[in-house]
Amino acid sequence: MTYRLSFELADQQIEIVHAFLEGSYWAQGIPRHIVERSIANSLCVGVFDAEGDQVAFARVVTDRATMAYLADVFVLPAHRGQGLARRMLEALDAHPDLQGLRRWLLFTRDMQPLYAQLGWSPIPHPERCMEKHDADLYTRGGL
């Protein structure tokens, strides 16, 4: 199958991205307006099939100078196994706005092997890492 990759915000299909994220383990229940705002304020990449439907997505939150946080990476189930996540990650790694960054971060429950193949490694001193996390924000209607 032929796929097209795009960084254009106008190409990202909010309804598909929202539908996936709303059911994901990391953003369960996320409101559509939050997904819209997150896309508008991030560097996003999407993959589209021959019919123009979005089948994969990833976004980077970054200052484009020192650091980046990789988030919301997914490939729809019917399109997995085609190397699409790898293609998105390689395209992000090569993006001109993301060159020379000192640190990239991400959180993943189950995709460590994929990221390790692309040069990622566990945080060497996790005891230095902290978070402020409101896990129930979306499900309790706080937004």
N, C-alpha and C. Protein backbone atom coordinates (compact mmCIF):
# COMPACT_ATOMS: atom_id res chain seq x y z
N MET A 1 0.83 -1.18 0.00
CA MET A 1 0.00 0.00 0.00
C MET A 1 0.88 1.24 0.00
N THR A 2 0.42 2.27 -0.66
CA THR A 2 1.14 3.54 -0.73
C THR A 2 0.68 4.46 0.39
N TYR A 3 1.64 5.08 1.05
CA TYR A 3 1.35 6.01 2.14
C TYR A 3 2.04 7.33 1.88
N ARG A 4 1.43 8.40 2.39
CA ARG A 4 2.00 9.75 2.29
C ARG A 4 2.18 10.29 3.69
N LEU A 5 3.31 10.91 3.94
CA LEU A 5 3.63 11.49 5.24
C LEU A 5 3.49 13.01 5.13
N SER A 6 2.92 13.67 6.13
CA SER A 6 2.75 15.12 6.09
C SER A 6 2.97 15.74 7.46
N PHE A 7 3.66 16.88 7.47
CA PHE A 7 3.83 17.69 8.66
C PHE A 7 2.84 18.85 8.69
N GLU A 8 2.03 19.01 7.67
CA GLU A 8 1.10 20.13 7.58
C GLU A 8 -0.01 19.97 8.62
N LEU A 9 -0.20 21.01 9.43
CA LEU A 9 -1.26 20.96 10.43
C LEU A 9 -2.63 20.82 9.78
N ALA A 10 -2.83 21.46 8.65
CA ALA A 10 -4.12 21.39 7.96
C ALA A 10 -4.45 19.98 7.49
N ASP A 11 -3.46 19.13 7.32
CA ASP A 11 -3.69 17.76 6.87
C ASP A 11 -4.14 16.84 8.00
N GLN A 12 -3.80 17.18 9.22
CA GLN A 12 -4.09 16.29 10.36
C GLN A 12 -5.61 16.21 10.54
N GLN A 13 -6.14 15.03 10.60
CA GLN A 13 -7.58 14.81 10.69
C GLN A 13 -7.98 14.64 12.15
N ILE A 14 -8.42 15.75 12.72
CA ILE A 14 -8.70 15.83 14.15
C ILE A 14 -9.64 14.72 14.61
N GLU A 15 -10.66 14.41 13.82
CA GLU A 15 -11.64 13.41 14.25
C GLU A 15 -11.00 12.04 14.41
N ILE A 16 -10.06 11.70 13.55
CA ILE A 16 -9.37 10.40 13.65
C ILE A 16 -8.40 10.41 14.83
N VAL A 17 -7.62 11.49 14.94
CA VAL A 17 -6.66 11.59 16.05
C VAL A 17 -7.41 11.57 17.38
N HIS A 18 -8.45 12.36 17.49
CA HIS A 18 -9.22 12.40 18.74
C HIS A 18 -9.82 11.04 19.07
N ALA A 19 -10.41 10.39 18.09
CA ALA A 19 -11.04 9.08 18.34
C ALA A 19 -10.02 8.08 18.88
N PHE A 20 -8.82 8.08 18.32
CA PHE A 20 -7.81 7.14 18.80
C PHE A 20 -7.36 7.52 20.21
N LEU A 21 -7.00 8.79 20.40
CA LEU A 21 -6.47 9.21 21.70
C LEU A 21 -7.50 9.05 22.81
N GLU A 22 -8.75 9.32 22.52
CA GLU A 22 -9.80 9.22 23.53
C GLU A 22 -9.90 7.81 24.11
N GLY A 23 -9.55 6.81 23.32
CA GLY A 23 -9.58 5.43 23.80
C GLY A 23 -8.23 4.87 24.20
N SER A 24 -7.18 5.67 24.10
CA SER A 24 -5.83 5.19 24.41
C SER A 24 -5.62 5.10 25.92
N TYR A 25 -4.62 4.32 26.33
CA TYR A 25 -4.32 4.21 27.75
C TYR A 25 -3.74 5.50 28.31
N TRP A 26 -3.10 6.32 27.48
CA TRP A 26 -2.42 7.51 27.99
C TRP A 26 -3.27 8.77 27.94
N ALA A 27 -4.35 8.78 27.18
CA ALA A 27 -5.17 10.00 27.08
C ALA A 27 -6.66 9.67 27.12
N GLN A 28 -7.00 8.61 27.79
CA GLN A 28 -8.38 8.14 27.82
C GLN A 28 -9.32 9.26 28.25
N GLY A 29 -10.36 9.46 27.44
CA GLY A 29 -11.37 10.47 27.74
C GLY A 29 -11.00 11.89 27.39
N ILE A 30 -9.88 12.10 26.70
CA ILE A 30 -9.43 13.45 26.39
C ILE A 30 -10.48 14.17 25.53
N PRO A 31 -10.86 15.38 25.91
CA PRO A 31 -11.84 16.13 25.12
C PRO A 31 -11.26 16.57 23.77
N ARG A 32 -12.13 16.67 22.78
CA ARG A 32 -11.71 17.05 21.44
C ARG A 32 -11.00 18.40 21.43
N HIS A 33 -11.50 19.38 22.18
CA HIS A 33 -10.88 20.71 22.14
C HIS A 33 -9.45 20.69 22.68
N ILE A 34 -9.15 19.77 23.57
CA ILE A 34 -7.77 19.64 24.07
C ILE A 34 -6.88 19.04 22.98
N VAL A 35 -7.39 18.05 22.26
CA VAL A 35 -6.63 17.48 21.14
C VAL A 35 -6.36 18.55 20.09
N GLU A 36 -7.36 19.34 19.77
CA GLU A 36 -7.19 20.42 18.79
C GLU A 36 -6.10 21.39 19.24
N ARG A 37 -6.13 21.78 20.50
CA ARG A 37 -5.14 22.73 21.02
C ARG A 37 -3.75 22.11 21.06
N SER A 38 -3.67 20.82 21.41
CA SER A 38 -2.35 20.17 21.46
C SER A 38 -1.74 20.09 20.06
N ILE A 39 -2.55 19.80 19.07
CA ILE A 39 -2.05 19.74 17.69
C ILE A 39 -1.61 21.12 17.21
N ALA A 40 -2.41 22.13 17.51
CA ALA A 40 -2.10 23.48 17.06
C ALA A 40 -0.79 24.00 17.65
N ASN A 41 -0.40 23.48 18.81
CA ASN A 41 0.79 23.98 19.50
C ASN A 41 1.96 23.00 19.49
N SER A 42 1.94 22.06 18.58
CA SER A 42 3.00 21.06 18.49
C SER A 42 3.46 20.91 17.05
N LEU A 43 4.57 20.26 16.87
CA LEU A 43 5.03 19.83 15.55
C LEU A 43 4.48 18.43 15.34
N CYS A 44 3.59 18.27 14.38
CA CYS A 44 2.89 17.00 14.18
C CYS A 44 3.26 16.38 12.84
N VAL A 45 3.18 15.07 12.80
CA VAL A 45 3.35 14.34 11.56
C VAL A 45 2.24 13.31 11.48
N GLY A 46 1.69 13.17 10.29
CA GLY A 46 0.65 12.18 10.07
C GLY A 46 0.99 11.34 8.85
N VAL A 47 0.44 10.14 8.82
CA VAL A 47 0.57 9.26 7.66
C VAL A 47 -0.83 9.04 7.11
N PHE A 48 -0.93 9.11 5.77
CA PHE A 48 -2.21 9.03 5.09
C PHE A 48 -2.16 7.94 4.04
N ASP A 49 -3.26 7.19 3.92
CA ASP A 49 -3.31 6.12 2.93
C ASP A 49 -3.65 6.69 1.55
N ALA A 50 -3.75 5.82 0.56
CA ALA A 50 -3.99 6.24 -0.82
C ALA A 50 -5.30 6.99 -0.98
N GLU A 51 -6.27 6.73 -0.11
CA GLU A 51 -7.56 7.43 -0.17
C GLU A 51 -7.52 8.76 0.57
N GLY A 52 -6.42 9.07 1.24
CA GLY A 52 -6.28 10.32 1.97
C GLY A 52 -6.71 10.24 3.42
N ASP A 53 -7.02 9.04 3.91
CA ASP A 53 -7.41 8.89 5.30
C ASP A 53 -6.18 8.80 6.20
N GLN A 54 -6.25 9.47 7.34
CA GLN A 54 -5.14 9.42 8.27
C GLN A 54 -5.11 8.06 8.96
N VAL A 55 -3.92 7.44 8.96
CA VAL A 55 -3.77 6.11 9.55
C VAL A 55 -2.72 6.06 10.66
N ALA A 56 -1.99 7.16 10.85
CA ALA A 56 -0.96 7.22 11.88
C ALA A 56 -0.70 8.67 12.24
N PHE A 57 -0.13 8.87 13.44
CA PHE A 57 0.06 10.23 13.94
C PHE A 57 1.16 10.22 15.00
N ALA A 58 1.86 11.33 15.11
CA ALA A 58 2.80 11.58 16.20
C ALA A 58 2.95 13.08 16.34
N ARG A 59 3.25 13.52 17.55
CA ARG A 59 3.49 14.96 17.75
C ARG A 59 4.66 15.16 18.69
N VAL A 60 5.30 16.30 18.52
CA VAL A 60 6.44 16.68 19.34
C VAL A 60 6.15 18.05 19.96
N VAL A 61 6.30 18.12 21.26
CA VAL A 61 6.22 19.38 22.00
C VAL A 61 7.67 19.83 22.16
N THR A 62 8.00 21.01 21.67
CA THR A 62 9.40 21.41 21.64
C THR A 62 9.57 22.93 21.66
N ASP A 63 10.74 23.37 22.12
CA ASP A 63 11.12 24.77 22.00
C ASP A 63 11.95 24.99 20.73
N ARG A 64 12.21 23.90 19.99
CA ARG A 64 12.98 23.91 18.74
C ARG A 64 14.42 24.42 18.93
N ALA A 65 14.89 24.34 20.17
CA ALA A 65 16.26 24.79 20.45
C ALA A 65 17.01 23.82 21.34
N THR A 66 16.37 23.33 22.40
CA THR A 66 17.09 22.52 23.38
C THR A 66 16.46 21.17 23.68
N MET A 67 15.11 21.07 23.61
CA MET A 67 14.48 19.83 24.03
C MET A 67 13.20 19.57 23.25
N ALA A 68 12.81 18.28 23.29
CA ALA A 68 11.57 17.85 22.64
C ALA A 68 10.96 16.72 23.45
N TYR A 69 9.64 16.69 23.47
CA TYR A 69 8.89 15.63 24.12
C TYR A 69 8.02 14.96 23.05
N LEU A 70 8.26 13.70 22.79
CA LEU A 70 7.52 12.93 21.80
C LEU A 70 6.26 12.39 22.46
N ALA A 71 5.11 12.61 21.80
CA ALA A 71 3.83 12.22 22.41
C ALA A 71 2.86 11.71 21.35
N ASP A 72 1.86 10.98 21.83
CA ASP A 72 0.69 10.59 21.03
C ASP A 72 1.04 9.84 19.75
N VAL A 73 2.03 8.99 19.81
CA VAL A 73 2.42 8.20 18.64
C VAL A 73 1.46 7.01 18.52
N PHE A 74 0.83 6.89 17.34
CA PHE A 74 -0.03 5.73 17.11
C PHE A 74 -0.14 5.41 15.63
N VAL A 75 -0.44 4.15 15.37
CA VAL A 75 -0.78 3.66 14.04
C VAL A 75 -2.07 2.88 14.20
N LEU A 76 -3.06 3.16 13.36
CA LEU A 76 -4.33 2.44 13.45
C LEU A 76 -4.08 0.95 13.23
N PRO A 77 -4.81 0.09 13.94
CA PRO A 77 -4.56 -1.35 13.90
C PRO A 77 -4.47 -1.95 12.50
N ALA A 78 -5.31 -1.54 11.58
CA ALA A 78 -5.31 -2.13 10.23
C ALA A 78 -4.05 -1.80 9.44
N HIS A 79 -3.25 -0.85 9.93
CA HIS A 79 -2.06 -0.42 9.19
C HIS A 79 -0.76 -0.72 9.94
N ARG A 80 -0.85 -1.44 11.03
CA ARG A 80 0.35 -1.79 11.79
C ARG A 80 1.15 -2.84 11.03
N GLY A 81 2.43 -2.90 11.32
CA GLY A 81 3.31 -3.87 10.68
C GLY A 81 3.85 -3.40 9.34
N GLN A 82 3.60 -2.15 8.99
CA GLN A 82 4.06 -1.58 7.72
C GLN A 82 5.27 -0.66 7.90
N GLY A 83 5.73 -0.52 9.13
CA GLY A 83 6.87 0.37 9.41
C GLY A 83 6.48 1.84 9.49
N LEU A 84 5.21 2.13 9.68
CA LEU A 84 4.76 3.53 9.67
C LEU A 84 5.23 4.31 10.89
N ALA A 85 5.23 3.69 12.06
CA ALA A 85 5.74 4.39 13.25
C ALA A 85 7.21 4.72 13.06
N ARG A 86 7.96 3.79 12.55
CA ARG A 86 9.38 4.03 12.29
C ARG A 86 9.56 5.18 11.30
N ARG A 87 8.77 5.19 10.24
CA ARG A 87 8.87 6.27 9.25
C ARG A 87 8.59 7.63 9.87
N MET A 88 7.55 7.70 10.71
CA MET A 88 7.25 8.98 11.37
C MET A 88 8.39 9.41 12.29
N LEU A 89 8.91 8.48 13.08
CA LEU A 89 9.99 8.81 14.02
C LEU A 89 11.25 9.23 13.29
N GLU A 90 11.57 8.56 12.19
CA GLU A 90 12.75 8.95 11.40
C GLU A 90 12.54 10.32 10.76
N ALA A 91 11.33 10.60 10.29
CA ALA A 91 11.03 11.91 9.70
C ALA A 91 11.12 13.01 10.75
N LEU A 92 10.63 12.74 11.94
CA LEU A 92 10.75 13.73 13.01
C LEU A 92 12.22 13.96 13.38
N ASP A 93 12.96 12.89 13.47
CA ASP A 93 14.38 12.99 13.80
C ASP A 93 15.14 13.82 12.77
N ALA A 94 14.72 13.76 11.51
CA ALA A 94 15.39 14.50 10.44
C ALA A 94 14.81 15.89 10.21
N HIS A 95 13.72 16.23 10.87
CA HIS A 95 13.06 17.52 10.63
C HIS A 95 14.02 18.68 10.95
N PRO A 96 14.10 19.67 10.07
CA PRO A 96 15.03 20.79 10.27
C PRO A 96 14.83 21.54 11.60
N ASP A 97 13.60 21.65 12.08
CA ASP A 97 13.35 22.37 13.33
C ASP A 97 13.78 21.59 14.56
N LEU A 98 14.15 20.33 14.39
CA LEU A 98 14.49 19.50 15.54
C LEU A 98 15.96 19.08 15.56
N GLN A 99 16.76 19.78 14.79
CA GLN A 99 18.20 19.47 14.75
C GLN A 99 18.92 20.18 15.89
N GLY A 100 19.91 19.52 16.45
CA GLY A 100 20.74 20.12 17.50
C GLY A 100 20.11 20.15 18.87
N LEU A 101 19.02 19.41 19.07
CA LEU A 101 18.41 19.37 20.39
C LEU A 101 19.26 18.54 21.34
N ARG A 102 19.36 18.99 22.54
CA ARG A 102 20.17 18.28 23.53
C ARG A 102 19.43 17.07 24.10
N ARG A 103 18.12 17.18 24.25
CA ARG A 103 17.39 16.09 24.91
C ARG A 103 16.01 15.90 24.29
N TRP A 104 15.68 14.63 24.08
CA TRP A 104 14.34 14.20 23.70
C TRP A 104 13.82 13.33 24.83
N LEU A 105 12.53 13.40 25.10
CA LEU A 105 11.90 12.57 26.13
C LEU A 105 10.64 11.93 25.58
N LEU A 106 10.25 10.83 26.19
CA LEU A 106 8.96 10.20 25.88
C LEU A 106 8.60 9.29 27.02
N PHE A 107 7.32 8.96 27.08
CA PHE A 107 6.82 7.94 28.00
C PHE A 107 6.14 6.88 27.15
N THR A 108 6.41 5.61 27.43
CA THR A 108 5.72 4.53 26.74
C THR A 108 5.58 3.35 27.68
N ARG A 109 4.47 2.68 27.56
CA ARG A 109 4.22 1.51 28.39
C ARG A 109 4.77 0.25 27.75
N ASP A 110 4.81 0.20 26.40
CA ASP A 110 5.10 -1.08 25.75
C ASP A 110 5.93 -1.01 24.47
N MET A 111 6.39 0.14 24.06
CA MET A 111 7.10 0.23 22.78
C MET A 111 8.60 0.50 22.92
N GLN A 112 9.16 0.18 24.06
CA GLN A 112 10.59 0.39 24.27
C GLN A 112 11.45 -0.26 23.19
N PRO A 113 11.13 -1.49 22.73
CA PRO A 113 11.98 -2.10 21.69
C PRO A 113 12.06 -1.28 20.40
N LEU A 114 10.94 -0.71 19.96
CA LEU A 114 10.96 0.13 18.76
C LEU A 114 11.84 1.36 18.97
N TYR A 115 11.65 2.05 20.07
CA TYR A 115 12.42 3.26 20.33
C TYR A 115 13.90 2.94 20.51
N ALA A 116 14.22 1.82 21.13
CA ALA A 116 15.63 1.43 21.31
C ALA A 116 16.31 1.24 19.96
N GLN A 117 15.60 0.70 18.98
CA GLN A 117 16.17 0.52 17.63
C GLN A 117 16.51 1.86 16.98
N LEU A 118 15.88 2.93 17.47
CA LEU A 118 16.08 4.25 16.88
C LEU A 118 16.96 5.15 17.75
N GLY A 119 17.69 4.52 18.69
CA GLY A 119 18.67 5.27 19.47
C GLY A 119 18.21 5.77 20.83
N TRP A 120 16.99 5.47 21.22
CA TRP A 120 16.50 5.89 22.52
C TRP A 120 17.01 4.93 23.59
N SER A 121 17.13 5.43 24.81
CA SER A 121 17.56 4.59 25.93
C SER A 121 16.81 5.01 27.19
N PRO A 122 16.77 4.12 28.19
CA PRO A 122 16.14 4.51 29.45
C PRO A 122 16.86 5.69 30.08
N ILE A 123 16.13 6.46 30.86
CA ILE A 123 16.73 7.59 31.57
C ILE A 123 17.77 7.03 32.54
N PRO A 124 19.02 7.51 32.48
CA PRO A 124 20.07 6.92 33.31
C PRO A 124 19.88 7.14 34.81
N HIS A 125 19.21 8.20 35.20
CA HIS A 125 19.00 8.48 36.62
C HIS A 125 17.52 8.81 36.84
N PRO A 126 16.67 7.80 36.80
CA PRO A 126 15.23 8.08 36.93
C PRO A 126 14.87 8.76 38.25
N GLU A 127 15.70 8.60 39.25
CA GLU A 127 15.42 9.25 40.54
C GLU A 127 15.49 10.77 40.44
N ARG A 128 16.10 11.29 39.39
CA ARG A 128 16.16 12.74 39.16
C ARG A 128 14.92 13.26 38.45
N CYS A 129 14.17 12.37 37.88
CA CYS A 129 13.01 12.75 37.08
C CYS A 129 11.78 12.86 37.99
N MET A 130 11.01 13.90 37.78
CA MET A 130 9.78 14.09 38.55
C MET A 130 8.65 14.45 37.60
N GLU A 131 7.44 14.31 38.08
CA GLU A 131 6.29 14.70 37.28
C GLU A 131 5.21 15.28 38.18
N LYS A 132 4.38 16.09 37.56
CA LYS A 132 3.16 16.59 38.18
C LYS A 132 2.06 16.09 37.25
N HIS A 133 1.26 15.13 37.71
CA HIS A 133 0.35 14.40 36.82
C HIS A 133 -1.04 14.35 37.44
N ASP A 134 -2.02 14.87 36.74
CA ASP A 134 -3.41 14.80 37.17
C ASP A 134 -4.09 13.73 36.33
N ALA A 135 -3.98 12.47 36.74
CA ALA A 135 -4.42 11.32 35.95
C ALA A 135 -5.92 11.30 35.68
N ASP A 136 -6.72 11.90 36.52
CA ASP A 136 -8.17 11.86 36.36
C ASP A 136 -8.76 13.11 35.72
N LEU A 137 -7.94 14.01 35.24
CA LEU A 137 -8.42 15.28 34.72
C LEU A 137 -9.49 15.13 33.65
N TYR A 138 -9.27 14.27 32.67
CA TYR A 138 -10.23 14.12 31.57
C TYR A 138 -11.49 13.39 32.00
N THR A 139 -11.35 12.39 32.84
CA THR A 139 -12.51 11.56 33.20
C THR A 139 -13.41 12.24 34.23
N ARG A 140 -12.90 13.17 34.99
CA ARG A 140 -13.76 13.84 35.97
C ARG A 140 -14.35 15.14 35.42
N GLY A 141 -14.05 15.43 34.13
CA GLY A 141 -14.64 16.61 33.50
C GLY A 141 -14.04 17.91 33.96
N GLY A 142 -12.75 17.89 34.26
CA GLY A 142 -12.08 19.09 34.74
C GLY A 142 -11.79 20.13 33.69
N LEU A 143 -12.12 19.86 32.44
CA LEU A 143 -11.82 20.84 31.38
C LEU A 143 -13.07 21.21 30.63
